[in-house]
PDB file of all heavy atoms in Angstrom:
ATOM      1  N   LEU A   1     109.766 -65.002  36.894  1.00  0.00           N
ATOM      2  CA  LEU A   1     108.577 -65.317  37.686  1.00  0.00           C
ATOM      3  C   LEU A   1     108.916 -66.291  38.811  1.00  0.00           C
ATOM      4  O   LEU A   1     108.505 -66.099  39.964  1.00  0.00           O
ATOM      5  CB  LEU A   1     107.497 -65.916  36.786  1.00  0.00           C
ATOM      6  CG  LEU A   1     106.182 -66.292  37.457  1.00  0.00           C
ATOM      7  CD1 LEU A   1     105.449 -65.037  37.897  1.00  0.00           C
ATOM      8  CD2 LEU A   1     105.323 -67.106  36.516  1.00  0.00           C
ATOM      9  N   LEU A   2     109.694 -67.322  38.497  1.00  0.00           N
ATOM     10  CA  LEU A   2     110.030 -68.336  39.508  1.00  0.00           C
ATOM     11  C   LEU A   2     111.094 -67.843  40.488  1.00  0.00           C
ATOM     12  O   LEU A   2     111.375 -68.524  41.473  1.00  0.00           O
ATOM     13  CB  LEU A   2     110.481 -69.623  38.836  1.00  0.00           C
ATOM     14  CG  LEU A   2     109.378 -70.392  38.101  1.00  0.00           C
ATOM     15  CD1 LEU A   2     109.965 -71.585  37.370  1.00  0.00           C
ATOM     16  CD2 LEU A   2     108.289 -70.835  39.047  1.00  0.00           C
ATOM     17  N   ALA A   3     111.688 -66.704  40.227  1.00  0.00           N
ATOM     18  CA  ALA A   3     112.679 -66.162  41.161  1.00  0.00           C
ATOM     19  C   ALA A   3     112.019 -65.561  42.390  1.00  0.00           C
ATOM     20  O   ALA A   3     112.675 -65.377  43.417  1.00  0.00           O
ATOM     21  CB  ALA A   3     113.536 -65.111  40.462  1.00  0.00           C
ATOM     22  N   ARG A   4     110.726 -65.274  42.311  1.00  0.00           N
ATOM     23  CA  ARG A   4     110.007 -64.742  43.475  1.00  0.00           C
ATOM     24  C   ARG A   4     109.858 -65.850  44.518  1.00  0.00           C
ATOM     25  O   ARG A   4     109.436 -66.968  44.210  1.00  0.00           O
ATOM     26  CB  ARG A   4     108.627 -64.245  43.070  1.00  0.00           C
ATOM     27  CG  ARG A   4     108.651 -63.123  42.077  1.00  0.00           C
ATOM     28  CD  ARG A   4     107.250 -62.708  41.751  1.00  0.00           C
ATOM     29  NE  ARG A   4     107.209 -61.858  40.582  1.00  0.00           N
ATOM     30  CZ  ARG A   4     106.105 -61.538  39.944  1.00  0.00           C
ATOM     31  NH1 ARG A   4     104.933 -62.005  40.366  1.00  0.00           N
ATOM     32  NH2 ARG A   4     106.149 -60.756  38.899  1.00  0.00           N
ATOM     33  N   PRO A   5     110.202 -65.569  45.768  1.00  0.00           N
ATOM     34  CA  PRO A   5     110.178 -66.617  46.795  1.00  0.00           C
ATOM     35  C   PRO A   5     108.814 -67.271  46.984  1.00  0.00           C
ATOM     36  O   PRO A   5     108.725 -68.492  47.140  1.00  0.00           O
ATOM     37  CB  PRO A   5     110.612 -65.888  48.063  1.00  0.00           C
ATOM     38  CG  PRO A   5     111.354 -64.693  47.583  1.00  0.00           C
ATOM     39  CD  PRO A   5     110.744 -64.316  46.273  1.00  0.00           C
ATOM     40  N   LYS A   6     107.742 -66.482  46.986  1.00  0.00           N
ATOM     41  CA  LYS A   6     106.409 -67.035  47.219  1.00  0.00           C
ATOM     42  C   LYS A   6     106.006 -67.991  46.092  1.00  0.00           C
ATOM     43  O   LYS A   6     105.506 -69.094  46.333  1.00  0.00           O
ATOM     44  CB  LYS A   6     105.396 -65.893  47.333  1.00  0.00           C
ATOM     45  CG  LYS A   6     104.026 -66.337  47.722  1.00  0.00           C
ATOM     46  CD  LYS A   6     103.114 -65.130  47.903  1.00  0.00           C
ATOM     47  CE  LYS A   6     101.726 -65.544  48.321  1.00  0.00           C
ATOM     48  NZ  LYS A   6     100.840 -64.401  48.478  1.00  0.00           N
ATOM     49  N   ILE A   7     106.236 -67.576  44.873  1.00  0.00           N
ATOM     50  CA  ILE A   7     105.878 -68.415  43.725  1.00  0.00           C
ATOM     51  C   ILE A   7     106.786 -69.632  43.654  1.00  0.00           C
ATOM     52  O   ILE A   7     106.334 -70.734  43.350  1.00  0.00           O
ATOM     53  CB  ILE A   7     105.930 -67.590  42.424  1.00  0.00           C
ATOM     54  CG1 ILE A   7     104.824 -66.543  42.455  1.00  0.00           C
ATOM     55  CG2 ILE A   7     105.805 -68.482  41.199  1.00  0.00           C
ATOM     56  CD1 ILE A   7     104.803 -65.619  41.274  1.00  0.00           C
ATOM     57  N   ARG A   8     108.061 -69.458  43.965  1.00  0.00           N
ATOM     58  CA  ARG A   8     108.991 -70.584  43.945  1.00  0.00           C
ATOM     59  C   ARG A   8     108.573 -71.644  44.962  1.00  0.00           C
ATOM     60  O   ARG A   8     108.608 -72.847  44.681  1.00  0.00           O
ATOM     61  CB  ARG A   8     110.406 -70.092  44.233  1.00  0.00           C
ATOM     62  CG  ARG A   8     111.441 -71.182  44.139  1.00  0.00           C
ATOM     63  CD  ARG A   8     112.825 -70.643  44.433  1.00  0.00           C
ATOM     64  NE  ARG A   8     113.802 -71.664  44.217  1.00  0.00           N
ATOM     65  CZ  ARG A   8     114.647 -71.686  43.206  1.00  0.00           C
ATOM     66  NH1 ARG A   8     114.641 -70.722  42.324  1.00  0.00           N
ATOM     67  NH2 ARG A   8     115.511 -72.660  43.081  1.00  0.00           N
ATOM     68  N   ARG A   9     108.169 -71.206  46.139  1.00  0.00           N
ATOM     69  CA  ARG A   9     107.737 -72.150  47.177  1.00  0.00           C
ATOM     70  C   ARG A   9     106.501 -72.923  46.726  1.00  0.00           C
ATOM     71  O   ARG A   9     106.422 -74.136  46.880  1.00  0.00           O
ATOM     72  CB  ARG A   9     107.465 -71.384  48.478  1.00  0.00           C
ATOM     73  CG  ARG A   9     106.947 -72.236  49.594  1.00  0.00           C
ATOM     74  CD  ARG A   9     108.030 -73.125  50.151  1.00  0.00           C
ATOM     75  NE  ARG A   9     107.473 -73.924  51.228  1.00  0.00           N
ATOM     76  CZ  ARG A   9     107.754 -75.191  51.406  1.00  0.00           C
ATOM     77  NH1 ARG A   9     108.625 -75.781  50.647  1.00  0.00           N
ATOM     78  NH2 ARG A   9     107.203 -75.867  52.380  1.00  0.00           N
ATOM     79  N   ARG A  10     105.535 -72.213  46.146  1.00  0.00           N
ATOM     80  CA  ARG A  10     104.323 -72.883  45.654  1.00  0.00           C
ATOM     81  C   ARG A  10     104.678 -73.883  44.554  1.00  0.00           C
ATOM     82  O   ARG A  10     104.115 -74.974  44.486  1.00  0.00           O
ATOM     83  CB  ARG A  10     103.329 -71.867  45.111  1.00  0.00           C
ATOM     84  CG  ARG A  10     102.594 -71.113  46.173  1.00  0.00           C
ATOM     85  CD  ARG A  10     101.557 -70.223  45.561  1.00  0.00           C
ATOM     86  NE  ARG A  10     100.937 -69.370  46.564  1.00  0.00           N
ATOM     87  CZ  ARG A  10     100.120 -68.389  46.293  1.00  0.00           C
ATOM     88  NH1 ARG A  10      99.815 -68.100  45.045  1.00  0.00           N
ATOM     89  NH2 ARG A  10      99.589 -67.663  47.260  1.00  0.00           N
ATOM     90  N   TRP A  11     105.584 -73.483  43.667  1.00  0.00           N
ATOM     91  CA  TRP A  11     106.008 -74.369  42.573  1.00  0.00           C
ATOM     92  C   TRP A  11     106.658 -75.629  43.128  1.00  0.00           C
ATOM     93  O   TRP A  11     106.384 -76.738  42.670  1.00  0.00           O
ATOM     94  CB  TRP A  11     106.971 -73.615  41.653  1.00  0.00           C
ATOM     95  CG  TRP A  11     107.463 -74.437  40.514  1.00  0.00           C
ATOM     96  CD1 TRP A  11     108.675 -75.021  40.403  1.00  0.00           C
ATOM     97  CD2 TRP A  11     106.748 -74.800  39.334  1.00  0.00           C
ATOM     98  NE1 TRP A  11     108.775 -75.706  39.222  1.00  0.00           N
ATOM     99  CE2 TRP A  11     107.599 -75.590  38.543  1.00  0.00           C
ATOM    100  CE3 TRP A  11     105.461 -74.523  38.871  1.00  0.00           C
ATOM    101  CZ2 TRP A  11     107.194 -76.109  37.321  1.00  0.00           C
ATOM    102  CZ3 TRP A  11     105.079 -75.047  37.646  1.00  0.00           C
ATOM    103  CH2 TRP A  11     105.933 -75.819  36.893  1.00  0.00           C
ATOM    104  N   GLU A  12     107.527 -75.474  44.131  1.00  0.00           N
ATOM    105  CA  GLU A  12     108.200 -76.635  44.723  1.00  0.00           C
ATOM    106  C   GLU A  12     107.214 -77.558  45.423  1.00  0.00           C
ATOM    107  O   GLU A  12     107.323 -78.778  45.322  1.00  0.00           O
ATOM    108  CB  GLU A  12     109.289 -76.166  45.678  1.00  0.00           C
ATOM    109  CG  GLU A  12     110.480 -75.576  44.959  1.00  0.00           C
ATOM    110  CD  GLU A  12     111.528 -75.028  45.909  1.00  0.00           C
ATOM    111  OE1 GLU A  12     111.292 -75.036  47.134  1.00  0.00           O
ATOM    112  OE2 GLU A  12     112.578 -74.587  45.412  1.00  0.00           O
ATOM    113  N   VAL A  13     106.243 -76.992  46.125  1.00  0.00           N
ATOM    114  CA  VAL A  13     105.231 -77.818  46.805  1.00  0.00           C
ATOM    115  C   VAL A  13     104.380 -78.560  45.771  1.00  0.00           C
ATOM    116  O   VAL A  13     104.134 -79.770  45.893  1.00  0.00           O
ATOM    117  CB  VAL A  13     104.353 -76.954  47.735  1.00  0.00           C
ATOM    118  CG1 VAL A  13     103.137 -77.718  48.212  1.00  0.00           C
ATOM    119  CG2 VAL A  13     105.168 -76.456  48.922  1.00  0.00           C
ATOM    120  N   THR A  14     103.946 -77.857  44.744  1.00  0.00           N
ATOM    121  CA  THR A  14     103.099 -78.472  43.715  1.00  0.00           C
ATOM    122  C   THR A  14     103.834 -79.586  42.986  1.00  0.00           C
ATOM    123  O   THR A  14     103.294 -80.695  42.821  1.00  0.00           O
ATOM    124  CB  THR A  14     102.633 -77.402  42.704  1.00  0.00           C
ATOM    125  OG1 THR A  14     101.944 -76.372  43.408  1.00  0.00           O
ATOM    126  CG2 THR A  14     101.730 -77.995  41.649  1.00  0.00           C
ATOM    127  N   THR A  15     105.054 -79.320  42.541  1.00  0.00           N
ATOM    128  CA  THR A  15     105.793 -80.362  41.831  1.00  0.00           C
ATOM    129  C   THR A  15     106.174 -81.513  42.762  1.00  0.00           C
ATOM    130  O   THR A  15     106.225 -82.665  42.331  1.00  0.00           O
ATOM    131  CB  THR A  15     107.050 -79.788  41.148  1.00  0.00           C
ATOM    132  OG1 THR A  15     107.855 -79.112  42.122  1.00  0.00           O
ATOM    133  CG2 THR A  15     106.673 -78.841  40.029  1.00  0.00           C
ATOM    134  N   GLY A  16     106.404 -81.213  44.023  1.00  0.00           N
ATOM    135  CA  GLY A  16     106.684 -82.274  44.992  1.00  0.00           C
ATOM    136  C   GLY A  16     105.499 -83.217  45.132  1.00  0.00           C
ATOM    137  O   GLY A  16     105.663 -84.441  45.122  1.00  0.00           O
ATOM    138  N   TRP A  17     104.294 -82.652  45.262  1.00  0.00           N
ATOM    139  CA  TRP A  17     103.101 -83.484  45.362  1.00  0.00           C
ATOM    140  C   TRP A  17     102.864 -84.264  44.070  1.00  0.00           C
ATOM    141  O   TRP A  17     102.435 -85.425  44.107  1.00  0.00           O
ATOM    142  CB  TRP A  17     101.870 -82.643  45.705  1.00  0.00           C
ATOM    143  CG  TRP A  17     101.790 -82.345  47.164  1.00  0.00           C
ATOM    144  CD1 TRP A  17     101.995 -81.152  47.774  1.00  0.00           C
ATOM    145  CD2 TRP A  17     101.516 -83.280  48.217  1.00  0.00           C
ATOM    146  NE1 TRP A  17     101.873 -81.282  49.132  1.00  0.00           N
ATOM    147  CE2 TRP A  17     101.566 -82.565  49.435  1.00  0.00           C
ATOM    148  CE3 TRP A  17     101.238 -84.639  48.251  1.00  0.00           C
ATOM    149  CZ2 TRP A  17     101.351 -83.198  50.658  1.00  0.00           C
ATOM    150  CZ3 TRP A  17     101.013 -85.262  49.482  1.00  0.00           C
ATOM    151  CH2 TRP A  17     101.071 -84.516  50.670  1.00  0.00           C
ATOM    152  N   LEU A  18     103.145 -83.645  42.939  1.00  0.00           N
ATOM    153  CA  LEU A  18     103.002 -84.357  41.665  1.00  0.00           C
ATOM    154  C   LEU A  18     103.953 -85.555  41.592  1.00  0.00           C
ATOM    155  O   LEU A  18     103.571 -86.646  41.157  1.00  0.00           O
ATOM    156  CB  LEU A  18     103.241 -83.423  40.485  1.00  0.00           C
ATOM    157  CG  LEU A  18     102.122 -82.453  40.155  1.00  0.00           C
ATOM    158  CD1 LEU A  18     102.574 -81.458  39.097  1.00  0.00           C
ATOM    159  CD2 LEU A  18     100.895 -83.206  39.675  1.00  0.00           C
ATOM    160  N   LEU A  19     105.194 -85.355  42.020  1.00  0.00           N
ATOM    161  CA  LEU A  19     106.153 -86.454  42.020  1.00  0.00           C
ATOM    162  C   LEU A  19     105.756 -87.562  42.988  1.00  0.00           C
ATOM    163  O   LEU A  19     105.916 -88.755  42.690  1.00  0.00           O
ATOM    164  CB  LEU A  19     107.548 -85.944  42.324  1.00  0.00           C
ATOM    165  CG  LEU A  19     108.199 -85.113  41.208  1.00  0.00           C
ATOM    166  CD1 LEU A  19     109.498 -84.503  41.701  1.00  0.00           C
ATOM    167  CD2 LEU A  19     108.434 -85.951  39.981  1.00  0.00           C
ATOM    168  N   ILE A  20     105.213 -87.178  44.128  1.00  0.00           N
ATOM    169  CA  ILE A  20     104.723 -88.192  45.081  1.00  0.00           C
ATOM    170  C   ILE A  20     103.572 -88.963  44.470  1.00  0.00           C
ATOM    171  O   ILE A  20     103.512 -90.205  44.562  1.00  0.00           O
ATOM    172  CB  ILE A  20     104.313 -87.522  46.408  1.00  0.00           C
ATOM    173  CG1 ILE A  20     105.553 -87.020  47.155  1.00  0.00           C
ATOM    174  CG2 ILE A  20     103.510 -88.486  47.283  1.00  0.00           C
ATOM    175  CD1 ILE A  20     105.247 -86.163  48.362  1.00  0.00           C
ATOM    176  N   GLY A  21     102.665 -88.249  43.797  1.00  0.00           N
ATOM    177  CA  GLY A  21     101.542 -88.916  43.131  1.00  0.00           C
ATOM    178  C   GLY A  21     101.997 -89.867  42.039  1.00  0.00           C
ATOM    179  O   GLY A  21     101.467 -90.979  41.897  1.00  0.00           O
ATOM    180  N   ILE A  22     102.969 -89.459  41.280  1.00  0.00           N
ATOM    181  CA  ILE A  22     103.503 -90.346  40.231  1.00  0.00           C
ATOM    182  C   ILE A  22     104.144 -91.579  40.856  1.00  0.00           C
ATOM    183  O   ILE A  22     103.959 -92.697  40.385  1.00  0.00           O
ATOM    184  CB  ILE A  22     104.503 -89.571  39.342  1.00  0.00           C
ATOM    185  CG1 ILE A  22     103.760 -88.534  38.501  1.00  0.00           C
ATOM    186  CG2 ILE A  22     105.286 -90.532  38.446  1.00  0.00           C
ATOM    187  CD1 ILE A  22     104.678 -87.577  37.769  1.00  0.00           C
ATOM    188  N   GLY A  23     104.894 -91.375  41.931  1.00  0.00           N
ATOM    189  CA  GLY A  23     105.526 -92.494  42.620  1.00  0.00           C
ATOM    190  C   GLY A  23     104.497 -93.471  43.165  1.00  0.00           C
ATOM    191  O   GLY A  23     104.653 -94.697  43.043  1.00  0.00           O
ATOM    192  N   VAL A  24     103.428 -92.953  43.761  1.00  0.00           N
ATOM    193  CA  VAL A  24     102.366 -93.820  44.286  1.00  0.00           C
ATOM    194  C   VAL A  24     101.686 -94.556  43.147  1.00  0.00           C
ATOM    195  O   VAL A  24     101.387 -95.753  43.238  1.00  0.00           O
ATOM    196  CB  VAL A  24     101.341 -92.989  45.106  1.00  0.00           C
ATOM    197  CG1 VAL A  24     100.100 -93.790  45.415  1.00  0.00           C
ATOM    198  CG2 VAL A  24     101.987 -92.479  46.377  1.00  0.00           C
ATOM    199  N   GLY A  25     101.462 -93.866  42.032  1.00  0.00           N
ATOM    200  CA  GLY A  25     100.837 -94.510  40.869  1.00  0.00           C
ATOM    201  C   GLY A  25     101.692 -95.632  40.312  1.00  0.00           C
ATOM    202  O   GLY A  25     101.189 -96.698  39.936  1.00  0.00           O
ATOM    203  N   ILE A  26     102.994 -95.412  40.257  1.00  0.00           N
ATOM    204  CA  ILE A  26     103.895 -96.456  39.763  1.00  0.00           C
ATOM    205  C   ILE A  26     103.958 -97.611  40.743  1.00  0.00           C
ATOM    206  O   ILE A  26     103.965 -98.780  40.337  1.00  0.00           O
ATOM    207  CB  ILE A  26     105.304 -95.864  39.511  1.00  0.00           C
ATOM    208  CG1 ILE A  26     105.268 -94.924  38.310  1.00  0.00           C
ATOM    209  CG2 ILE A  26     106.339 -96.969  39.291  1.00  0.00           C
ATOM    210  CD1 ILE A  26     106.541 -94.172  38.052  1.00  0.00           C
ATOM    211  N   ALA A  27     103.994 -97.313  42.038  1.00  0.00           N
ATOM    212  CA  ALA A  27     104.048 -98.373  43.032  1.00  0.00           C
ATOM    213  C   ALA A  27     102.769 -99.202  43.015  1.00  0.00           C
ATOM    214  O   ALA A  27     102.796-100.419  43.256  1.00  0.00           O
ATOM    215  CB  ALA A  27     104.277 -97.781  44.426  1.00  0.00           C
ATOM    216  N   ALA A  28     101.639 -98.580  42.725  1.00  0.00           N
ATOM    217  CA  ALA A  28     100.364 -99.290  42.709  1.00  0.00           C
ATOM    218  C   ALA A  28     100.177-100.123  41.436  1.00  0.00           C
ATOM    219  O   ALA A  28      99.374-101.040  41.402  1.00  0.00           O
ATOM    220  CB  ALA A  28      99.203 -98.305  42.846  1.00  0.00           C
ATOM    221  N   ALA A  29     100.919 -99.792  40.405  1.00  0.00           N
ATOM    222  CA  ALA A  29     100.743-100.490  39.118  1.00  0.00           C
ATOM    223  C   ALA A  29     101.349-101.866  39.098  1.00  0.00           C
ATOM    224  O   ALA A  29     102.039-102.366  39.825  1.00  0.00           O
ATOM    225  CB  ALA A  29     101.366 -99.670  37.991  1.00  0.00           C
TER     226      ALA A  29
END
């Protein structure tokens, strides 16, 4: 499923935003 380019791109964008959110949450704590 993740080998499909469209789904892989969405997965990378979603996990990237999640990691940014976690980083902001840790920085704010």
